[in-house]
Amino acid sequence: MTALIVGGSGFLGAELVRQAVSDGREAAATFHSCPGDRPGISWHHLDLRDAHRLGELLDAVQAGVVINASSGNADWAVTADGSFRLAKETARRGIRLVHVSSDAVFSGSQPVYDETALPDPVTSYGAAKAAAETAARLLQPSAAIARTSLIIGDGGSAHERVVHELAAGTRKGALFTDDIRCPVHVADLAAGLWELADSDAAGVFHLAGPDAVSRYELGVLIARRDGLDPALLPSGLRADTGLPGALEVRLDSRATQRLSTVKIRGARNFLSKG
């Protein structure tokens, strides 16, 4: 069975590709701007706004499962409409769908959000991701929707780059002490997504870390791991900036973890130097 990774050249997609090759899976991946360079994977250009091309690709690859790890940010045509097209075309062909969603679908008005929580987005990006969830659940009742949080790696994520740039003084800004999320390591997240892809589990799942930390605390953990002086990191309150978006979004992943063999580590664990 061929697995198609949509968004294979992105940060999460690249880890899904790496694990597919390592596990000896038959897999293909899509890219929008530039293909990945990992051997053992067939790469295919895809713009999720092009329904005809999407159908052609699904037929050519003959995928048994599709993992949608694409990131169109707040571009509704890609993130919302593109995900709708993908759900529609995979459902038409009887292809299993694993759709990656985000904690951005929540407003932060609740203390904790578990898998039963309904989206209440407050940003354009969150609204697009919430619409994508709805499309997947409506058109693909057997699909797995996996919500996650800030994705961290071993140096390659956007969040890690921001910490290094702030510490070096090459970037303006601050890390907020009142902006709370539940970061996840990209390898844990990818493993959890492959487990869902291999199963027939349907519905909403949370693949986020158990540690709720501020962006500033996350920055300090990254700095210490990488041998940087945390004192170089500027801090601030997001509430003082007027920036849109939720402040505290705590994903409760315990129900998903009880069903999973993949242990999702917390940020204090995977960023520990020990």
C-alpha atoms as a PDB file:
ATOM      1  CA  MET A   1       0.000   0.000   0.000  1.00  0.00           C
ATOM      2  CA  THR A   2       1.410   3.351  -1.046  1.00  0.00           C
ATOM      3  CA  ALA A   3       1.178   6.201   1.438  1.00  0.00           C
ATOM      4  CA  LEU A   4       0.972   9.712  -0.011  1.00  0.00           C
ATOM      5  CA  ILE A   5       2.346  12.511   2.167  1.00  0.00           C
ATOM      6  CA  VAL A   6       0.815  15.823   1.123  1.00  0.00           C
ATOM      7  CA  GLY A   7       3.219  18.593   2.096  1.00  0.00           C
ATOM      8  CA  GLY A   8       6.212  16.277   2.193  1.00  0.00           C
ATOM      9  CA  SER A   9       8.739  19.084   1.789  1.00  0.00           C
ATOM     10  CA  GLY A  10       7.597  20.917   4.931  1.00  0.00           C
ATOM     11  CA  PHE A  11       9.039  20.488   8.412  1.00  0.00           C
ATOM     12  CA  LEU A  12       6.561  17.840   9.549  1.00  0.00           C
ATOM     13  CA  GLY A  13       6.314  16.333   6.079  1.00  0.00           C
ATOM     14  CA  ALA A  14      10.070  15.836   5.912  1.00  0.00           C
ATOM     15  CA  GLU A  15       9.972  13.824   9.152  1.00  0.00           C
ATOM     16  CA  LEU A  16       7.078  11.746   7.853  1.00  0.00           C
ATOM     17  CA  VAL A  17       9.168  11.056   4.748  1.00  0.00           C
ATOM     18  CA  ARG A  18      12.229  10.187   6.833  1.00  0.00           C
ATOM     19  CA  GLN A  19      10.288   7.702   8.946  1.00  0.00           C
ATOM     20  CA  ALA A  20       8.628   6.195   5.878  1.00  0.00           C
ATOM     21  CA  VAL A  21      12.002   5.486   4.290  1.00  0.00           C
ATOM     22  CA  SER A  22      13.459   4.228   7.573  1.00  0.00           C
ATOM     23  CA  ASP A  23      10.526   1.851   8.062  1.00  0.00           C
ATOM     24  CA  GLY A  24      10.679   0.587   4.493  1.00  0.00           C
ATOM     25  CA  ARG A  25       7.270   1.949   3.553  1.00  0.00           C
ATOM     26  CA  GLU A  26       6.156   2.426  -0.016  1.00  0.00           C
ATOM     27  CA  ALA A  27       5.537   6.145  -0.062  1.00  0.00           C
ATOM     28  CA  ALA A  28       5.228   9.197  -2.252  1.00  0.00           C
ATOM     29  CA  ALA A  29       5.250  12.864  -1.288  1.00  0.00           C
ATOM     30  CA  THR A  30       4.083  16.168  -2.714  1.00  0.00           C
ATOM     31  CA  PHE A  31       5.731  19.561  -2.808  1.00  0.00           C
ATOM     32  CA  HIS A  32       4.646  23.010  -3.900  1.00  0.00           C
ATOM     33  CA  SER A  33       7.875  24.970  -4.344  1.00  0.00           C
ATOM     34  CA  CYS A  34      10.784  22.554  -4.063  1.00  0.00           C
ATOM     35  CA  PRO A  35      10.953  18.755  -3.744  1.00  0.00           C
ATOM     36  CA  GLY A  36      12.758  17.079  -0.882  1.00  0.00           C
ATOM     37  CA  ASP A  37      16.085  15.377  -1.411  1.00  0.00           C
ATOM     38  CA  ARG A  38      15.604  12.116   0.458  1.00  0.00           C
ATOM     39  CA  PRO A  39      16.065   9.074  -1.812  1.00  0.00           C
ATOM     40  CA  GLY A  40      13.552   6.262  -1.837  1.00  0.00           C
ATOM     41  CA  ILE A  41      10.576   8.606  -2.239  1.00  0.00           C
ATOM     42  CA  SER A  42       8.818   9.673  -5.433  1.00  0.00           C
ATOM     43  CA  TRP A  43       8.140  13.419  -5.440  1.00  0.00           C
ATOM     44  CA  HIS A  44       5.165  15.056  -7.147  1.00  0.00           C
ATOM     45  CA  HIS A  45       4.298  18.714  -7.602  1.00  0.00           C
ATOM     46  CA  LEU A  46       0.875  19.592  -6.205  1.00  0.00           C
ATOM     47  CA  ASP A  47      -1.116  22.763  -5.721  1.00  0.00           C
ATOM     48  CA  LEU A  48      -4.162  21.935  -3.598  1.00  0.00           C
ATOM     49  CA  ARG A  49      -6.077  24.651  -5.448  1.00  0.00           C
ATOM     50  CA  ASP A  50      -5.937  22.500  -8.594  1.00  0.00           C
ATOM     51  CA  ALA A  51      -8.673  19.853  -8.271  1.00  0.00           C
ATOM     52  CA  HIS A  52      -7.881  18.254 -11.636  1.00  0.00           C
ATOM     53  CA  ARG A  53      -4.200  17.792 -10.797  1.00  0.00           C
ATOM     54  CA  LEU A  54      -5.102  16.391  -7.380  1.00  0.00           C
ATOM     55  CA  GLY A  55      -7.326  13.728  -8.908  1.00  0.00           C
ATOM     56  CA  GLU A  56      -4.688  12.832 -11.484  1.00  0.00           C
ATOM     57  CA  LEU A  57      -2.053  12.442  -8.785  1.00  0.00           C
ATOM     58  CA  LEU A  58      -4.194  10.234  -6.556  1.00  0.00           C
ATOM     59  CA  ASP A  59      -4.903   7.966  -9.528  1.00  0.00           C
ATOM     60  CA  ALA A  60      -1.257   7.867 -10.597  1.00  0.00           C
ATOM     61  CA  VAL A  61       0.117   7.119  -7.131  1.00  0.00           C
ATOM     62  CA  GLN A  62      -2.694   4.677  -6.277  1.00  0.00           C
ATOM     63  CA  ALA A  63      -2.415   5.590  -2.630  1.00  0.00           C
ATOM     64  CA  GLY A  64      -4.050   3.502   0.057  1.00  0.00           C
ATOM     65  CA  VAL A  65      -3.680   6.274   2.625  1.00  0.00           C
ATOM     66  CA  VAL A  66      -3.055  10.015   2.459  1.00  0.00           C
ATOM     67  CA  ILE A  67      -1.561  12.084   5.285  1.00  0.00           C
ATOM     68  CA  ASN A  68      -2.352  15.749   4.790  1.00  0.00           C
ATOM     69  CA  ALA A  69       0.543  17.597   6.420  1.00  0.00           C
ATOM     70  CA  SER A  70       0.300  20.612   4.120  1.00  0.00           C
ATOM     71  CA  SER A  71       0.534  24.140   5.466  1.00  0.00           C
ATOM     72  CA  GLY A  72      -1.206  26.910   3.592  1.00  0.00           C
ATOM     73  CA  ASN A  73      -1.186  29.172   6.643  1.00  0.00           C
ATOM     74  CA  ALA A  74      -4.126  31.606   6.459  1.00  0.00           C
ATOM     75  CA  ASP A  75      -4.582  31.149   2.686  1.00  0.00           C
ATOM     76  CA  TRP A  76      -8.197  29.963   2.632  1.00  0.00           C
ATOM     77  CA  ALA A  77      -7.902  28.611  -0.905  1.00  0.00           C
ATOM     78  CA  VAL A  78      -5.179  26.204   0.204  1.00  0.00           C
ATOM     79  CA  THR A  79      -5.818  25.468   3.878  1.00  0.00           C
ATOM     80  CA  ALA A  80      -9.619  25.270   3.783  1.00  0.00           C
ATOM     81  CA  ASP A  81     -10.693  24.751   0.160  1.00  0.00           C
ATOM     82  CA  GLY A  82      -7.661  22.608  -0.632  1.00  0.00           C
ATOM     83  CA  SER A  83      -8.364  20.323   2.305  1.00  0.00           C
ATOM     84  CA  PHE A  84     -12.006  20.116   1.183  1.00  0.00           C
ATOM     85  CA  ARG A  85     -10.865  18.976  -2.273  1.00  0.00           C
ATOM     86  CA  LEU A  86      -8.521  16.428  -0.765  1.00  0.00           C
ATOM     87  CA  ALA A  87     -11.228  14.987   1.482  1.00  0.00           C
ATOM     88  CA  LYS A  88     -13.654  14.855  -1.436  1.00  0.00           C
ATOM     89  CA  GLU A  89     -11.242  13.153  -3.839  1.00  0.00           C
ATOM     90  CA  THR A  90      -9.939  10.615  -1.311  1.00  0.00           C
ATOM     91  CA  ALA A  91     -13.505   9.751  -0.254  1.00  0.00           C
ATOM     92  CA  ARG A  92     -14.495   9.249  -3.883  1.00  0.00           C
ATOM     93  CA  ARG A  93     -11.668   6.735  -4.295  1.00  0.00           C
ATOM     94  CA  GLY A  94     -12.023   5.016  -0.928  1.00  0.00           C
ATOM     95  CA  ILE A  95      -8.603   6.215   0.243  1.00  0.00           C
ATOM     96  CA  ARG A  96      -7.962   6.525   3.985  1.00  0.00           C
ATOM     97  CA  LEU A  97      -7.288  10.092   5.120  1.00  0.00           C
ATOM     98  CA  VAL A  98      -5.273  11.357   8.071  1.00  0.00           C
ATOM     99  CA  HIS A  99      -5.675  15.110   8.342  1.00  0.00           C
ATOM    100  CA  VAL A 100      -3.302  17.204  10.462  1.00  0.00           C
ATOM    101  CA  SER A 101      -5.033  20.062  12.268  1.00  0.00           C
ATOM    102  CA  SER A 102      -3.916  22.621  14.829  1.00  0.00           C
ATOM    103  CA  ASP A 103      -4.649  24.066  18.248  1.00  0.00           C
ATOM    104  CA  ALA A 104      -5.292  27.307  16.335  1.00  0.00           C
ATOM    105  CA  VAL A 105      -8.895  26.110  15.941  1.00  0.00           C
ATOM    106  CA  PHE A 106      -9.479  27.152  19.567  1.00  0.00           C
ATOM    107  CA  SER A 107     -10.014  30.572  21.153  1.00  0.00           C
ATOM    108  CA  GLY A 108      -8.362  29.847  24.490  1.00  0.00           C
ATOM    109  CA  SER A 109     -11.593  30.617  26.350  1.00  0.00           C
ATOM    110  CA  GLN A 110     -11.612  27.158  27.960  1.00  0.00           C
ATOM    111  CA  PRO A 111      -9.043  25.962  30.533  1.00  0.00           C
ATOM    112  CA  VAL A 112      -8.337  22.759  28.592  1.00  0.00           C
ATOM    113  CA  TYR A 113      -9.440  21.313  25.247  1.00  0.00           C
ATOM    114  CA  ASP A 114      -9.860  17.575  24.849  1.00  0.00           C
ATOM    115  CA  GLU A 115     -10.735  15.620  21.718  1.00  0.00           C
ATOM    116  CA  THR A 116     -14.466  16.328  22.102  1.00  0.00           C
ATOM    117  CA  ALA A 117     -14.009  20.118  22.045  1.00  0.00           C
ATOM    118  CA  LEU A 118     -15.592  21.956  19.119  1.00  0.00           C
ATOM    119  CA  PRO A 119     -13.558  24.564  17.239  1.00  0.00           C
ATOM    120  CA  ASP A 120     -14.102  28.236  18.083  1.00  0.00           C
ATOM    121  CA  PRO A 121     -11.308  29.999  16.164  1.00  0.00           C
ATOM    122  CA  VAL A 122     -10.434  33.676  16.537  1.00  0.00           C
ATOM    123  CA  THR A 123      -7.920  34.053  13.666  1.00  0.00           C
ATOM    124  CA  SER A 124      -8.090  33.613   9.908  1.00  0.00           C
ATOM    125  CA  TYR A 125      -5.674  30.695  10.109  1.00  0.00           C
ATOM    126  CA  GLY A 126      -7.689  29.042  12.858  1.00  0.00           C
ATOM    127  CA  ALA A 127     -10.884  29.500  10.873  1.00  0.00           C
ATOM    128  CA  ALA A 128      -9.306  27.894   7.804  1.00  0.00           C
ATOM    129  CA  LYS A 129      -8.069  24.936   9.841  1.00  0.00           C
ATOM    130  CA  ALA A 130     -11.481  24.561  11.495  1.00  0.00           C
ATOM    131  CA  ALA A 131     -13.172  24.559   8.078  1.00  0.00           C
ATOM    132  CA  ALA A 132     -10.709  21.891   6.928  1.00  0.00           C
ATOM    133  CA  GLU A 133     -11.598  19.742   9.943  1.00  0.00           C
ATOM    134  CA  THR A 134     -15.293  20.096   9.170  1.00  0.00           C
ATOM    135  CA  ALA A 135     -14.767  19.135   5.538  1.00  0.00           C
ATOM    136  CA  ALA A 136     -12.761  16.056   6.476  1.00  0.00           C
ATOM    137  CA  ARG A 137     -15.308  14.897   9.062  1.00  0.00           C
ATOM    138  CA  LEU A 138     -18.251  15.515   6.719  1.00  0.00           C
ATOM    139  CA  LEU A 139     -16.848  13.973   3.555  1.00  0.00           C
ATOM    140  CA  GLN A 140     -14.672  11.299   5.180  1.00  0.00           C
ATOM    141  CA  PRO A 141     -16.417   9.942   8.303  1.00  0.00           C
ATOM    142  CA  SER A 142     -13.687   7.299   8.553  1.00  0.00           C
ATOM    143  CA  ALA A 143     -10.900   9.901   8.524  1.00  0.00           C
ATOM    144  CA  ALA A 144      -8.592  10.611  11.459  1.00  0.00           C
ATOM    145  CA  ILE A 145      -8.174  14.299  12.352  1.00  0.00           C
ATOM    146  CA  ALA A 146      -5.047  14.893  14.417  1.00  0.00           C
ATOM    147  CA  ARG A 147      -4.781  18.216  16.240  1.00  0.00           C
ATOM    148  CA  THR A 148      -1.348  19.253  17.375  1.00  0.00           C
ATOM    149  CA  SER A 149       0.500  22.246  18.824  1.00  0.00           C
ATOM    150  CA  LEU A 150       3.894  23.921  18.338  1.00  0.00           C
ATOM    151  CA  ILE A 151       6.150  21.477  16.483  1.00  0.00           C
ATOM    152  CA  ILE A 152       9.774  21.390  17.659  1.00  0.00           C
ATOM    153  CA  GLY A 153      12.707  19.382  16.349  1.00  0.00           C
ATOM    154  CA  ASP A 154      16.424  19.076  16.879  1.00  0.00           C
ATOM    155  CA  GLY A 155      17.208  22.515  15.499  1.00  0.00           C
ATOM    156  CA  GLY A 156      15.210  22.741  12.289  1.00  0.00           C
ATOM    157  CA  SER A 157      11.878  24.220  13.333  1.00  0.00           C
ATOM    158  CA  ALA A 158      10.824  27.828  12.866  1.00  0.00           C
ATOM    159  CA  HIS A 159      10.444  28.196  16.646  1.00  0.00           C
ATOM    160  CA  GLU A 160      14.031  27.102  17.228  1.00  0.00           C
ATOM    161  CA  ARG A 161      15.330  29.494  14.568  1.00  0.00           C
ATOM    162  CA  VAL A 162      13.500  32.378  16.237  1.00  0.00           C
ATOM    163  CA  VAL A 163      15.206  31.604  19.560  1.00  0.00           C
ATOM    164  CA  HIS A 164      18.659  31.594  17.947  1.00  0.00           C
ATOM    165  CA  GLU A 165      17.983  34.840  16.080  1.00  0.00           C
ATOM    166  CA  LEU A 166      16.695  36.595  19.197  1.00  0.00           C
ATOM    167  CA  ALA A 167      19.715  35.404  21.197  1.00  0.00           C
ATOM    168  CA  ALA A 168      22.053  36.627  18.451  1.00  0.00           C
ATOM    169  CA  GLY A 169      20.320  39.997  18.255  1.00  0.00           C
ATOM    170  CA  THR A 170      19.527  39.540  14.570  1.00  0.00           C
ATOM    171  CA  ARG A 171      15.782  39.541  15.143  1.00  0.00           C
ATOM    172  CA  LYS A 172      13.529  42.032  16.867  1.00  0.00           C
ATOM    173  CA  GLY A 173      10.705  40.988  19.123  1.00  0.00           C
ATOM    174  CA  ALA A 174      10.115  39.050  22.305  1.00  0.00           C
ATOM    175  CA  LEU A 175       9.009  35.659  23.556  1.00  0.00           C
ATOM    176  CA  PHE A 176       5.713  35.945  25.370  1.00  0.00           C
ATOM    177  CA  THR A 177       5.291  34.726  28.930  1.00  0.00           C
ATOM    178  CA  ASP A 178       1.487  34.630  28.657  1.00  0.00           C
ATOM    179  CA  ASP A 179       1.238  32.666  25.386  1.00  0.00           C
ATOM    180  CA  ILE A 180       0.800  29.028  26.441  1.00  0.00           C
ATOM    181  CA  ARG A 181       0.896  25.953  24.200  1.00  0.00           C
ATOM    182  CA  CYS A 182       1.692  22.217  24.432  1.00  0.00           C
ATOM    183  CA  PRO A 183       4.737  21.671  22.173  1.00  0.00           C
ATOM    184  CA  VAL A 184       5.428  18.325  20.541  1.00  0.00           C
ATOM    185  CA  HIS A 185       8.593  16.857  19.070  1.00  0.00           C
ATOM    186  CA  VAL A 186       8.297  16.355  15.332  1.00  0.00           C
ATOM    187  CA  ALA A 187       9.503  12.732  15.541  1.00  0.00           C
ATOM    188  CA  ASP A 188       6.835  11.856  18.129  1.00  0.00           C
ATOM    189  CA  LEU A 189       4.140  13.589  16.090  1.00  0.00           C
ATOM    190  CA  ALA A 190       5.140  11.836  12.873  1.00  0.00           C
ATOM    191  CA  ALA A 191       5.187   8.452  14.613  1.00  0.00           C
ATOM    192  CA  GLY A 192       1.722   9.114  15.997  1.00  0.00           C
ATOM    193  CA  LEU A 193       0.446  10.045  12.538  1.00  0.00           C
ATOM    194  CA  TRP A 194       1.856   6.851  11.020  1.00  0.00           C
ATOM    195  CA  GLU A 195       0.149   4.861  13.753  1.00  0.00           C
ATOM    196  CA  LEU A 196      -3.154   6.492  12.822  1.00  0.00           C
ATOM    197  CA  ALA A 197      -2.474   5.882   9.133  1.00  0.00           C
ATOM    198  CA  ASP A 198      -1.959   2.170   9.812  1.00  0.00           C
ATOM    199  CA  SER A 199      -5.183   1.904  11.820  1.00  0.00           C
ATOM    200  CA  ASP A 200      -8.869   2.274  11.059  1.00  0.00           C
ATOM    201  CA  ALA A 201      -9.350   4.757  13.908  1.00  0.00           C
ATOM    202  CA  ALA A 202     -11.768   7.554  13.028  1.00  0.00           C
ATOM    203  CA  GLY A 203     -12.609  10.899  14.599  1.00  0.00           C
ATOM    204  CA  VAL A 204     -10.557  13.544  16.360  1.00  0.00           C
ATOM    205  CA  PHE A 205      -7.246  12.810  18.091  1.00  0.00           C
ATOM    206  CA  HIS A 206      -4.848  15.072  19.982  1.00  0.00           C
ATOM    207  CA  LEU A 207      -1.128  14.611  19.386  1.00  0.00           C
ATOM    208  CA  ALA A 208       0.411  17.282  21.608  1.00  0.00           C
ATOM    209  CA  GLY A 209       2.867  17.204  24.462  1.00  0.00           C
ATOM    210  CA  PRO A 210       1.758  16.927  28.099  1.00  0.00           C
ATOM    211  CA  ASP A 211       3.714  20.034  29.166  1.00  0.00           C
ATOM    212  CA  ALA A 212       1.886  23.357  28.844  1.00  0.00           C
ATOM    213  CA  VAL A 213       4.619  25.994  28.573  1.00  0.00           C
ATOM    214  CA  SER A 214       4.831  29.621  27.554  1.00  0.00           C
ATOM    215  CA  ARG A 215       6.689  30.593  24.424  1.00  0.00           C
ATOM    216  CA  TYR A 216       9.269  32.220  26.683  1.00  0.00           C
ATOM    217  CA  GLU A 217       9.774  29.055  28.760  1.00  0.00           C
ATOM    218  CA  LEU A 218      10.008  27.082  25.530  1.00  0.00           C
ATOM    219  CA  GLY A 219      12.659  29.510  24.309  1.00  0.00           C
ATOM    220  CA  VAL A 220      14.635  29.113  27.533  1.00  0.00           C
ATOM    221  CA  LEU A 221      14.518  25.311  27.199  1.00  0.00           C
ATOM    222  CA  ILE A 222      15.738  25.519  23.591  1.00  0.00           C
ATOM    223  CA  ALA A 223      18.494  27.968  24.529  1.00  0.00           C
ATOM    224  CA  ARG A 224      19.777  25.766  27.347  1.00  0.00           C
ATOM    225  CA  ARG A 225      19.752  22.682  25.135  1.00  0.00           C
ATOM    226  CA  ASP A 226      21.701  24.531  22.446  1.00  0.00           C
ATOM    227  CA  GLY A 227      24.220  26.142  24.787  1.00  0.00           C
ATOM    228  CA  LEU A 228      22.836  29.673  24.481  1.00  0.00           C
ATOM    229  CA  ASP A 229      22.482  32.135  27.339  1.00  0.00           C
ATOM    230  CA  PRO A 230      18.739  32.363  28.189  1.00  0.00           C
ATOM    231  CA  ALA A 231      19.367  35.845  29.565  1.00  0.00           C
ATOM    232  CA  LEU A 232      19.764  37.014  25.970  1.00  0.00           C
ATOM    233  CA  LEU A 233      16.128  36.208  25.203  1.00  0.00           C
ATOM    234  CA  PRO A 234      13.769  39.197  25.484  1.00  0.00           C
ATOM    235  CA  SER A 235      10.413  38.516  27.124  1.00  0.00           C
ATOM    236  CA  GLY A 236       7.085  40.275  27.061  1.00  0.00           C
ATOM    237  CA  LEU A 237       3.327  39.957  27.358  1.00  0.00           C
ATOM    238  CA  ARG A 238       1.351  39.175  24.241  1.00  0.00           C
ATOM    239  CA  ALA A 239      -1.678  40.766  25.893  1.00  0.00           C
ATOM    240  CA  ASP A 240       0.136  44.115  25.668  1.00  0.00           C
ATOM    241  CA  THR A 241       0.719  43.861  21.912  1.00  0.00           C
ATOM    242  CA  GLY A 242      -2.795  43.673  20.526  1.00  0.00           C
ATOM    243  CA  LEU A 243      -1.791  40.747  18.322  1.00  0.00           C
ATOM    244  CA  PRO A 244      -4.746  38.550  17.337  1.00  0.00           C
ATOM    245  CA  GLY A 245      -5.075  34.983  18.528  1.00  0.00           C
ATOM    246  CA  ALA A 246      -5.597  32.944  21.647  1.00  0.00           C
ATOM    247  CA  LEU A 247      -3.327  33.313  24.652  1.00  0.00           C
ATOM    248  CA  GLU A 248      -3.595  29.959  26.443  1.00  0.00           C
ATOM    249  CA  VAL A 249      -4.507  26.845  24.464  1.00  0.00           C
ATOM    250  CA  ARG A 250      -3.903  23.645  26.394  1.00  0.00           C
ATOM    251  CA  LEU A 251      -4.587  20.472  24.433  1.00  0.00           C
ATOM    252  CA  ASP A 252      -5.517  17.455  26.546  1.00  0.00           C
ATOM    253  CA  SER A 253      -4.146  14.411  24.706  1.00  0.00           C
ATOM    254  CA  ARG A 254      -4.771  11.811  27.400  1.00  0.00           C
ATOM    255  CA  ALA A 255      -7.631  10.037  25.611  1.00  0.00           C
ATOM    256  CA  THR A 256      -5.523   9.649  22.479  1.00  0.00           C
ATOM    257  CA  GLN A 257      -2.515   8.508  24.487  1.00  0.00           C
ATOM    258  CA  ARG A 258      -4.537   5.760  26.143  1.00  0.00           C
ATOM    259  CA  LEU A 259      -5.188   4.295  22.691  1.00  0.00           C
ATOM    260  CA  SER A 260      -1.682   4.801  21.313  1.00  0.00           C
ATOM    261  CA  THR A 261       1.579   2.908  21.547  1.00  0.00           C
ATOM    262  CA  VAL A 262       3.507   6.079  20.634  1.00  0.00           C
ATOM    263  CA  LYS A 263       4.612   8.054  23.681  1.00  0.00           C
ATOM    264  CA  ILE A 264       4.302  11.796  23.109  1.00  0.00           C
ATOM    265  CA  ARG A 265       6.947  13.498  25.220  1.00  0.00           C
ATOM    266  CA  GLY A 266       6.603  16.901  26.857  1.00  0.00           C
ATOM    267  CA  ALA A 267       8.881  19.833  26.025  1.00  0.00           C
ATOM    268  CA  ARG A 268      10.679  19.642  29.359  1.00  0.00           C
ATOM    269  CA  ASN A 269      11.532  16.057  28.482  1.00  0.00           C
ATOM    270  CA  PHE A 270      12.630  16.244  24.863  1.00  0.00           C
ATOM    271  CA  LEU A 271      14.494  19.541  25.349  1.00  0.00           C
ATOM    272  CA  SER A 272      16.366  18.288  28.400  1.00  0.00           C
ATOM    273  CA  LYS A 273      20.139  18.188  27.931  1.00  0.00           C
ATOM    274  CA  GLY A 274      20.230  14.991  29.953  1.00  0.00           C
END
